[in-house]
Amino acid sequence: MFSLGGKKALVTGAGSGIGRAIAQRFAQAGARVVVADIAETGGRETVALIAAAGGAAEFAALDVSEEAAAAELAARLGRLDVLVNNAGIGHVGTILQTAAADLDRLYRVNVRGVFNVTKAFLPAMLAARRGSVVNIASIGGVLAVRDRLAYVTTKFAVVGLTKQLALDHSAEGVRFNCICPGRVETPFVQARLREYPDPAQAYREMSATQLIGRMGRPEEIAAAAHYLASDEAELVTGSCLLADGGWSVGK
């Protein structure tokens, strides 16, 4: 396993799902992890799980859509070695089923959230001339997904933001990459599956877009983030790592 020993990492949206898996993986690899989430209960559960496994973690309440909150947290924590912008929300609908308020809501979290947190922590990384920023985008950041107008719009923005940050700052020692997962079986997705009359059939239908015939697991996205966060990925910046089970191959 790539070592993250001696590194301090912040993971947003780490109270459940992919964010929790990333926080746990980083702690297992030796990092001191700041578990940031707007939901305190889930965030503290992640910290407890890490502590029970012998890792080091602390909870930080954070609404990524609030620029001042991100700046205050950066002032308190100081320099990070690794920042993972994972916090995000979704919306189902075409443009005719999407209100301007829906688009604004997703933009505030999915795009402004990445902007706010990165801007708050980047100066200290640049001063140290080292650091890794990993943004969790989506397969919806590289190709269109039916009935996901607002979500796809914001995730394309995350991919573009990542590439622009890499172009502007990679020469200063900080790397910027994003991961584009396909469908991942998070607790949110599991709860949605249970709402269908036949959850097994719903799972098969939702997995059909992925060539491997199943959804991803949060731990698999965490493994990709672990690599990008590690020193072994020093050659990698401005990349968009597709972890989509082959979804994009036929598109």
C-alpha atoms as a PDB file:
ATOM      1  CA  MET A   1       0.000   0.000   0.000  1.00  0.00           C
ATOM      2  CA  PHE A   2       1.281   3.461  -0.881  1.00  0.00           C
ATOM      3  CA  SER A   3       2.343   5.195   2.316  1.00  0.00           C
ATOM      4  CA  LEU A   4       0.696   8.415   3.448  1.00  0.00           C
ATOM      5  CA  GLY A   5       2.634   8.399   6.710  1.00  0.00           C
ATOM      6  CA  GLY A   6       3.260  11.856   8.124  1.00  0.00           C
ATOM      7  CA  LYS A   7       0.723  13.485   5.812  1.00  0.00           C
ATOM      8  CA  LYS A   8      -2.310  15.525   6.846  1.00  0.00           C
ATOM      9  CA  ALA A   9      -5.378  15.071   4.662  1.00  0.00           C
ATOM     10  CA  LEU A  10      -8.791  16.707   4.554  1.00  0.00           C
ATOM     11  CA  VAL A  11     -11.715  14.869   2.969  1.00  0.00           C
ATOM     12  CA  THR A  12     -14.979  16.756   2.459  1.00  0.00           C
ATOM     13  CA  GLY A  13     -18.281  14.901   2.518  1.00  0.00           C
ATOM     14  CA  ALA A  14     -16.560  12.185   4.542  1.00  0.00           C
ATOM     15  CA  GLY A  15     -19.567  11.337   6.700  1.00  0.00           C
ATOM     16  CA  SER A  16     -20.685   8.483   4.440  1.00  0.00           C
ATOM     17  CA  GLY A  17     -20.203   6.687   1.138  1.00  0.00           C
ATOM     18  CA  ILE A  18     -17.191   7.457  -1.015  1.00  0.00           C
ATOM     19  CA  GLY A  19     -15.911  10.173   1.317  1.00  0.00           C
ATOM     20  CA  ARG A  20     -15.963   7.846   4.307  1.00  0.00           C
ATOM     21  CA  ALA A  21     -14.148   5.130   2.355  1.00  0.00           C
ATOM     22  CA  ILE A  22     -11.464   7.609   1.277  1.00  0.00           C
ATOM     23  CA  ALA A  23     -10.972   8.858   4.838  1.00  0.00           C
ATOM     24  CA  GLN A  24     -10.663   5.306   6.129  1.00  0.00           C
ATOM     25  CA  ARG A  25      -8.227   4.304   3.395  1.00  0.00           C
ATOM     26  CA  PHE A  26      -6.037   7.354   3.994  1.00  0.00           C
ATOM     27  CA  ALA A  27      -5.929   6.705   7.731  1.00  0.00           C
ATOM     28  CA  GLN A  28      -5.041   3.067   7.114  1.00  0.00           C
ATOM     29  CA  ALA A  29      -2.135   4.289   4.969  1.00  0.00           C
ATOM     30  CA  GLY A  30      -0.849   6.445   7.830  1.00  0.00           C
ATOM     31  CA  ALA A  31      -2.363   9.868   7.193  1.00  0.00           C
ATOM     32  CA  ARG A  32      -3.855  12.088   9.866  1.00  0.00           C
ATOM     33  CA  VAL A  33      -7.318  12.683   8.468  1.00  0.00           C
ATOM     34  CA  VAL A  34      -9.678  15.600   8.950  1.00  0.00           C
ATOM     35  CA  VAL A  35     -13.189  14.296   8.338  1.00  0.00           C
ATOM     36  CA  ALA A  36     -15.203  17.272   7.098  1.00  0.00           C
ATOM     37  CA  ASP A  37     -18.956  17.149   6.610  1.00  0.00           C
ATOM     38  CA  ILE A  38     -22.039  19.276   7.061  1.00  0.00           C
ATOM     39  CA  ALA A  39     -23.644  16.295   8.854  1.00  0.00           C
ATOM     40  CA  GLU A  40     -22.021  15.954  12.266  1.00  0.00           C
ATOM     41  CA  THR A  41     -23.466  12.524  13.115  1.00  0.00           C
ATOM     42  CA  GLY A  42     -22.063  10.849  10.018  1.00  0.00           C
ATOM     43  CA  GLY A  43     -18.759  12.657  10.290  1.00  0.00           C
ATOM     44  CA  ARG A  44     -18.220  11.610  13.879  1.00  0.00           C
ATOM     45  CA  GLU A  45     -19.152   8.036  12.970  1.00  0.00           C
ATOM     46  CA  THR A  46     -16.376   8.059  10.390  1.00  0.00           C
ATOM     47  CA  VAL A  47     -13.915   9.356  12.982  1.00  0.00           C
ATOM     48  CA  ALA A  48     -14.983   6.603  15.389  1.00  0.00           C
ATOM     49  CA  LEU A  49     -14.504   3.925  12.728  1.00  0.00           C
ATOM     50  CA  ILE A  50     -11.026   5.225  11.961  1.00  0.00           C
ATOM     51  CA  ALA A  51     -10.093   5.368  15.634  1.00  0.00           C
ATOM     52  CA  ALA A  52     -11.375   1.831  16.196  1.00  0.00           C
ATOM     53  CA  ALA A  53      -9.073   0.644  13.417  1.00  0.00           C
ATOM     54  CA  GLY A  54      -6.088   2.368  15.022  1.00  0.00           C
ATOM     55  CA  GLY A  55      -6.007   5.436  12.791  1.00  0.00           C
ATOM     56  CA  ALA A  56      -5.836   9.159  13.533  1.00  0.00           C
ATOM     57  CA  ALA A  57      -8.757  11.404  12.643  1.00  0.00           C
ATOM     58  CA  GLU A  58     -10.711  14.423  13.779  1.00  0.00           C
ATOM     59  CA  PHE A  59     -14.073  15.842  12.768  1.00  0.00           C
ATOM     60  CA  ALA A  60     -14.604  19.314  11.325  1.00  0.00           C
ATOM     61  CA  ALA A  61     -18.056  20.699  10.611  1.00  0.00           C
ATOM     62  CA  LEU A  62     -18.023  22.287   7.178  1.00  0.00           C
ATOM     63  CA  ASP A  63     -20.566  23.597   4.702  1.00  0.00           C
ATOM     64  CA  VAL A  64     -18.427  23.729   1.566  1.00  0.00           C
ATOM     65  CA  SER A  65     -20.806  26.193  -0.082  1.00  0.00           C
ATOM     66  CA  GLU A  66     -19.813  28.832   2.485  1.00  0.00           C
ATOM     67  CA  GLU A  67     -16.586  30.583   1.509  1.00  0.00           C
ATOM     68  CA  ALA A  68     -16.066  32.043   4.977  1.00  0.00           C
ATOM     69  CA  ALA A  69     -16.434  28.633   6.620  1.00  0.00           C
ATOM     70  CA  ALA A  70     -13.764  27.161   4.355  1.00  0.00           C
ATOM     71  CA  ALA A  71     -11.423  30.060   5.063  1.00  0.00           C
ATOM     72  CA  GLU A  72     -11.947  29.738   8.832  1.00  0.00           C
ATOM     73  CA  LEU A  73     -11.196  26.011   8.710  1.00  0.00           C
ATOM     74  CA  ALA A  74      -8.037  26.609   6.684  1.00  0.00           C
ATOM     75  CA  ALA A  75      -6.860  29.187   9.205  1.00  0.00           C
ATOM     76  CA  ARG A  76      -7.403  26.681  12.024  1.00  0.00           C
ATOM     77  CA  LEU A  77      -5.869  23.629  10.390  1.00  0.00           C
ATOM     78  CA  GLY A  78      -2.938  25.173   8.569  1.00  0.00           C
ATOM     79  CA  ARG A  79      -1.199  23.418   5.693  1.00  0.00           C
ATOM     80  CA  LEU A  80      -2.515  20.191   4.239  1.00  0.00           C
ATOM     81  CA  ASP A  81      -0.596  17.604   2.263  1.00  0.00           C
ATOM     82  CA  VAL A  82      -3.728  16.224   0.640  1.00  0.00           C
ATOM     83  CA  LEU A  83      -7.132  17.753  -0.070  1.00  0.00           C
ATOM     84  CA  VAL A  84     -10.009  15.652  -1.378  1.00  0.00           C
ATOM     85  CA  ASN A  85     -13.020  17.617  -2.572  1.00  0.00           C
ATOM     86  CA  ASN A  86     -15.664  14.914  -2.396  1.00  0.00           C
ATOM     87  CA  ALA A  87     -18.773  16.689  -1.099  1.00  0.00           C
ATOM     88  CA  GLY A  88     -21.502  16.782  -3.714  1.00  0.00           C
ATOM     89  CA  ILE A  89     -25.240  16.528  -4.303  1.00  0.00           C
ATOM     90  CA  GLY A  90     -27.459  15.478  -7.196  1.00  0.00           C
ATOM     91  CA  HIS A  91     -30.724  16.211  -8.964  1.00  0.00           C
ATOM     92  CA  VAL A  92     -32.776  14.156 -11.414  1.00  0.00           C
ATOM     93  CA  GLY A  93     -34.390  15.920 -14.356  1.00  0.00           C
ATOM     94  CA  THR A  94     -34.140  17.376 -17.845  1.00  0.00           C
ATOM     95  CA  ILE A  95     -33.923  21.140 -18.285  1.00  0.00           C
ATOM     96  CA  LEU A  96     -37.738  21.293 -18.276  1.00  0.00           C
ATOM     97  CA  GLN A  97     -37.791  19.444 -14.947  1.00  0.00           C
ATOM     98  CA  THR A  98     -35.036  21.550 -13.396  1.00  0.00           C
ATOM     99  CA  ALA A  99     -35.767  24.863 -11.712  1.00  0.00           C
ATOM    100  CA  ALA A 100     -33.157  27.601 -11.640  1.00  0.00           C
ATOM    101  CA  ALA A 101     -33.056  27.064  -7.878  1.00  0.00           C
ATOM    102  CA  ASP A 102     -32.135  23.405  -8.423  1.00  0.00           C
ATOM    103  CA  LEU A 103     -29.227  24.349 -10.676  1.00  0.00           C
ATOM    104  CA  ASP A 104     -28.100  27.019  -8.224  1.00  0.00           C
ATOM    105  CA  ARG A 105     -28.246  24.532  -5.326  1.00  0.00           C
ATOM    106  CA  LEU A 106     -26.039  22.018  -7.141  1.00  0.00           C
ATOM    107  CA  TYR A 107     -23.684  24.745  -8.326  1.00  0.00           C
ATOM    108  CA  ARG A 108     -23.175  26.047  -4.781  1.00  0.00           C
ATOM    109  CA  VAL A 109     -22.097  22.627  -3.485  1.00  0.00           C
ATOM    110  CA  ASN A 110     -20.569  20.842  -6.471  1.00  0.00           C
ATOM    111  CA  VAL A 111     -18.678  23.737  -8.039  1.00  0.00           C
ATOM    112  CA  ARG A 112     -18.446  26.586  -5.542  1.00  0.00           C
ATOM    113  CA  GLY A 113     -17.692  24.003  -2.863  1.00  0.00           C
ATOM    114  CA  VAL A 114     -14.596  22.809  -4.732  1.00  0.00           C
ATOM    115  CA  PHE A 115     -13.653  26.421  -5.478  1.00  0.00           C
ATOM    116  CA  ASN A 116     -14.116  27.585  -1.867  1.00  0.00           C
ATOM    117  CA  VAL A 117     -12.185  24.800  -0.170  1.00  0.00           C
ATOM    118  CA  THR A 118      -9.367  24.710  -2.705  1.00  0.00           C
ATOM    119  CA  LYS A 119      -8.926  28.473  -2.610  1.00  0.00           C
ATOM    120  CA  ALA A 120      -8.799  28.410   1.195  1.00  0.00           C
ATOM    121  CA  PHE A 121      -6.129  25.709   1.502  1.00  0.00           C
ATOM    122  CA  LEU A 122      -4.067  26.270  -1.654  1.00  0.00           C
ATOM    123  CA  PRO A 123      -1.905  29.209  -0.504  1.00  0.00           C
ATOM    124  CA  ALA A 124      -0.238  27.143   2.227  1.00  0.00           C
ATOM    125  CA  MET A 125       0.362  24.276  -0.202  1.00  0.00           C
ATOM    126  CA  LEU A 126       1.932  26.665  -2.702  1.00  0.00           C
ATOM    127  CA  ALA A 127       4.120  28.192   0.000  1.00  0.00           C
ATOM    128  CA  ALA A 128       5.410  24.710   0.843  1.00  0.00           C
ATOM    129  CA  ARG A 129       5.626  23.824  -2.872  1.00  0.00           C
ATOM    130  CA  ARG A 130       3.959  20.473  -2.344  1.00  0.00           C
ATOM    131  CA  GLY A 131       0.510  18.970  -2.088  1.00  0.00           C
ATOM    132  CA  SER A 132      -2.103  16.911  -3.887  1.00  0.00           C
ATOM    133  CA  VAL A 133      -5.685  17.950  -4.584  1.00  0.00           C
ATOM    134  CA  VAL A 134      -8.117  15.236  -5.684  1.00  0.00           C
ATOM    135  CA  ASN A 135     -11.573  16.259  -6.867  1.00  0.00           C
ATOM    136  CA  ILE A 136     -14.361  13.709  -7.080  1.00  0.00           C
ATOM    137  CA  ALA A 137     -16.218  14.440 -10.302  1.00  0.00           C
ATOM    138  CA  SER A 138     -18.342  11.826 -12.113  1.00  0.00           C
ATOM    139  CA  ILE A 139     -18.784   9.948 -15.355  1.00  0.00           C
ATOM    140  CA  GLY A 140     -21.293  12.779 -15.776  1.00  0.00           C
ATOM    141  CA  GLY A 141     -18.299  15.115 -15.989  1.00  0.00           C
ATOM    142  CA  VAL A 142     -17.077  13.624 -19.258  1.00  0.00           C
ATOM    143  CA  LEU A 143     -20.268  12.491 -20.985  1.00  0.00           C
ATOM    144  CA  ALA A 144     -23.973  13.227 -20.838  1.00  0.00           C
ATOM    145  CA  VAL A 145     -26.234  11.151 -18.593  1.00  0.00           C
ATOM    146  CA  ARG A 146     -29.940  11.065 -19.349  1.00  0.00           C
ATOM    147  CA  ASP A 147     -32.154  13.184 -17.065  1.00  0.00           C
ATOM    148  CA  ARG A 148     -29.241  14.675 -15.127  1.00  0.00           C
ATOM    149  CA  LEU A 149     -29.033  18.192 -16.567  1.00  0.00           C
ATOM    150  CA  ALA A 150     -27.952  20.050 -13.427  1.00  0.00           C
ATOM    151  CA  TYR A 151     -25.675  17.300 -12.140  1.00  0.00           C
ATOM    152  CA  VAL A 152     -23.855  16.843 -15.451  1.00  0.00           C
ATOM    153  CA  THR A 153     -23.453  20.588 -15.880  1.00  0.00           C
ATOM    154  CA  THR A 154     -21.760  20.940 -12.505  1.00  0.00           C
ATOM    155  CA  LYS A 155     -19.573  17.855 -12.877  1.00  0.00           C
ATOM    156  CA  PHE A 156     -18.291  19.012 -16.276  1.00  0.00           C
ATOM    157  CA  ALA A 157     -17.345  22.194 -14.414  1.00  0.00           C
ATOM    158  CA  VAL A 158     -15.413  20.199 -11.799  1.00  0.00           C
ATOM    159  CA  VAL A 159     -13.394  18.460 -14.519  1.00  0.00           C
ATOM    160  CA  GLY A 160     -12.641  21.803 -16.179  1.00  0.00           C
ATOM    161  CA  LEU A 161     -11.752  23.420 -12.876  1.00  0.00           C
ATOM    162  CA  THR A 162      -9.337  20.591 -12.099  1.00  0.00           C
ATOM    163  CA  LYS A 163      -7.543  20.949 -15.421  1.00  0.00           C
ATOM    164  CA  GLN A 164      -7.315  24.719 -15.087  1.00  0.00           C
ATOM    165  CA  LEU A 165      -5.877  24.464 -11.576  1.00  0.00           C
ATOM    166  CA  ALA A 166      -3.284  21.997 -12.855  1.00  0.00           C
ATOM    167  CA  LEU A 167      -2.313  24.321 -15.693  1.00  0.00           C
ATOM    168  CA  ASP A 168      -2.011  27.327 -13.399  1.00  0.00           C
ATOM    169  CA  HIS A 169      -0.229  25.756 -10.424  1.00  0.00           C
ATOM    170  CA  SER A 170       1.450  22.412 -11.166  1.00  0.00           C
ATOM    171  CA  ALA A 171       4.793  24.127 -11.763  1.00  0.00           C
ATOM    172  CA  GLU A 172       4.538  25.377  -8.173  1.00  0.00           C
ATOM    173  CA  GLY A 173       4.610  21.882  -6.717  1.00  0.00           C
ATOM    174  CA  VAL A 174       0.913  21.134  -6.215  1.00  0.00           C
ATOM    175  CA  ARG A 175      -0.848  18.449  -8.245  1.00  0.00           C
ATOM    176  CA  PHE A 176      -4.534  18.525  -9.219  1.00  0.00           C
ATOM    177  CA  ASN A 177      -6.450  15.485 -10.459  1.00  0.00           C
ATOM    178  CA  CYS A 178     -10.025  14.288 -10.536  1.00  0.00           C
ATOM    179  CA  ILE A 179     -11.746  10.927 -10.397  1.00  0.00           C
ATOM    180  CA  CYS A 180     -14.846  10.256 -12.488  1.00  0.00           C
ATOM    181  CA  PRO A 181     -16.747   7.334 -10.952  1.00  0.00           C
ATOM    182  CA  GLY A 182     -19.570   5.570 -12.719  1.00  0.00           C
ATOM    183  CA  ARG A 183     -22.397   4.172 -10.611  1.00  0.00           C
ATOM    184  CA  VAL A 184     -21.154   3.320  -7.118  1.00  0.00           C
ATOM    185  CA  GLU A 185     -23.126   1.332  -4.554  1.00  0.00           C
ATOM    186  CA  THR A 186     -23.138   3.886  -1.761  1.00  0.00           C
ATOM    187  CA  PRO A 187     -25.619   3.875   1.136  1.00  0.00           C
ATOM    188  CA  PHE A 188     -27.620   6.494  -0.787  1.00  0.00           C
ATOM    189  CA  VAL A 189     -27.892   4.201  -3.815  1.00  0.00           C
ATOM    190  CA  GLN A 190     -28.708   1.202  -1.626  1.00  0.00           C
ATOM    191  CA  ALA A 191     -31.564   3.143  -0.032  1.00  0.00           C
ATOM    192  CA  ARG A 192     -32.845   4.125  -3.453  1.00  0.00           C
ATOM    193  CA  LEU A 193     -32.743   0.485  -4.623  1.00  0.00           C
ATOM    194  CA  ARG A 194     -34.888  -0.576  -1.668  1.00  0.00           C
ATOM    195  CA  GLU A 195     -37.625   1.766  -2.897  1.00  0.00           C
ATOM    196  CA  TYR A 196     -38.156  -0.331  -6.046  1.00  0.00           C
ATOM    197  CA  PRO A 197     -40.637  -3.244  -6.073  1.00  0.00           C
ATOM    198  CA  ASP A 198     -37.794  -5.530  -7.212  1.00  0.00           C
ATOM    199  CA  PRO A 199     -34.484  -4.178  -5.851  1.00  0.00           C
ATOM    200  CA  ALA A 200     -32.458  -6.934  -7.529  1.00  0.00           C
ATOM    201  CA  GLN A 201     -33.899  -6.071 -10.933  1.00  0.00           C
ATOM    202  CA  ALA A 202     -33.340  -2.374 -10.295  1.00  0.00           C
ATOM    203  CA  TYR A 203     -29.709  -3.128  -9.432  1.00  0.00           C
ATOM    204  CA  ARG A 204     -29.243  -5.025 -12.689  1.00  0.00           C
ATOM    205  CA  GLU A 205     -30.778  -2.205 -14.698  1.00  0.00           C
ATOM    206  CA  MET A 206     -28.693   0.453 -12.986  1.00  0.00           C
ATOM    207  CA  SER A 207     -25.548  -1.625 -13.479  1.00  0.00           C
ATOM    208  CA  ALA A 208     -26.220  -2.343 -17.152  1.00  0.00           C
ATOM    209  CA  THR A 209     -24.349   0.761 -18.315  1.00  0.00           C
ATOM    210  CA  GLN A 210     -21.100  -0.605 -16.849  1.00  0.00           C
ATOM    211  CA  LEU A 211     -19.269  -3.266 -18.853  1.00  0.00           C
ATOM    212  CA  ILE A 212     -18.214  -5.171 -15.752  1.00  0.00           C
ATOM    213  CA  GLY A 213     -21.881  -5.853 -14.967  1.00  0.00           C
ATOM    214  CA  ARG A 214     -21.964  -4.334 -11.508  1.00  0.00           C
ATOM    215  CA  MET A 215     -21.701  -1.043  -9.705  1.00  0.00           C
ATOM    216  CA  GLY A 216     -18.478   0.106  -8.161  1.00  0.00           C
ATOM    217  CA  ARG A 217     -17.772   0.010  -4.444  1.00  0.00           C
ATOM    218  CA  PRO A 218     -16.765   3.066  -2.410  1.00  0.00           C
ATOM    219  CA  GLU A 219     -13.542   1.272  -1.481  1.00  0.00           C
ATOM    220  CA  GLU A 220     -12.576   1.085  -5.160  1.00  0.00           C
ATOM    221  CA  ILE A 221     -12.880   4.851  -5.575  1.00  0.00           C
ATOM    222  CA  ALA A 222     -10.896   5.253  -2.352  1.00  0.00           C
ATOM    223  CA  ALA A 223      -8.094   3.158  -3.840  1.00  0.00           C
ATOM    224  CA  ALA A 224      -7.903   5.496  -6.837  1.00  0.00           C
ATOM    225  CA  ALA A 225      -7.838   8.544  -4.561  1.00  0.00           C
ATOM    226  CA  HIS A 226      -5.109   6.912  -2.480  1.00  0.00           C
ATOM    227  CA  TYR A 227      -2.874   6.551  -5.523  1.00  0.00           C
ATOM    228  CA  LEU A 228      -3.430  10.131  -6.684  1.00  0.00           C
ATOM    229  CA  ALA A 229      -2.759  11.440  -3.178  1.00  0.00           C
ATOM    230  CA  SER A 230       0.480   9.507  -2.810  1.00  0.00           C
ATOM    231  CA  ASP A 231       4.009  10.489  -3.777  1.00  0.00           C
ATOM    232  CA  GLU A 232       4.018   7.615  -6.265  1.00  0.00           C
ATOM    233  CA  ALA A 233       1.722   9.737  -8.452  1.00  0.00           C
ATOM    234  CA  GLU A 234       4.130  12.675  -8.713  1.00  0.00           C
ATOM    235  CA  LEU A 235       4.042  12.456 -12.512  1.00  0.00           C
ATOM    236  CA  VAL A 236       0.244  12.724 -12.582  1.00  0.00           C
ATOM    237  CA  THR A 237      -1.451  16.109 -12.693  1.00  0.00           C
ATOM    238  CA  GLY A 238      -4.358  17.484 -14.677  1.00  0.00           C
ATOM    239  CA  SER A 239      -5.681  13.971 -15.189  1.00  0.00           C
ATOM    240  CA  CYS A 240      -9.227  12.657 -15.147  1.00  0.00           C
ATOM    241  CA  LEU A 241      -9.195   9.085 -13.893  1.00  0.00           C
ATOM    242  CA  LEU A 242     -12.242   7.174 -15.154  1.00  0.00           C
ATOM    243  CA  ALA A 243     -13.384   4.621 -12.585  1.00  0.00           C
ATOM    244  CA  ASP A 244     -16.599   3.789 -14.393  1.00  0.00           C
ATOM    245  CA  GLY A 245     -16.576   0.036 -14.912  1.00  0.00           C
ATOM    246  CA  GLY A 246     -16.235   0.630 -18.655  1.00  0.00           C
ATOM    247  CA  TRP A 247     -19.329   2.856 -18.966  1.00  0.00           C
ATOM    248  CA  SER A 248     -17.510   5.367 -21.187  1.00  0.00           C
ATOM    249  CA  VAL A 249     -16.085   2.787 -23.607  1.00  0.00           C
ATOM    250  CA  GLY A 250     -19.224   2.538 -25.694  1.00  0.00           C
ATOM    251  CA  LYS A 251     -20.024   6.248 -25.658  1.00  0.00           C
END
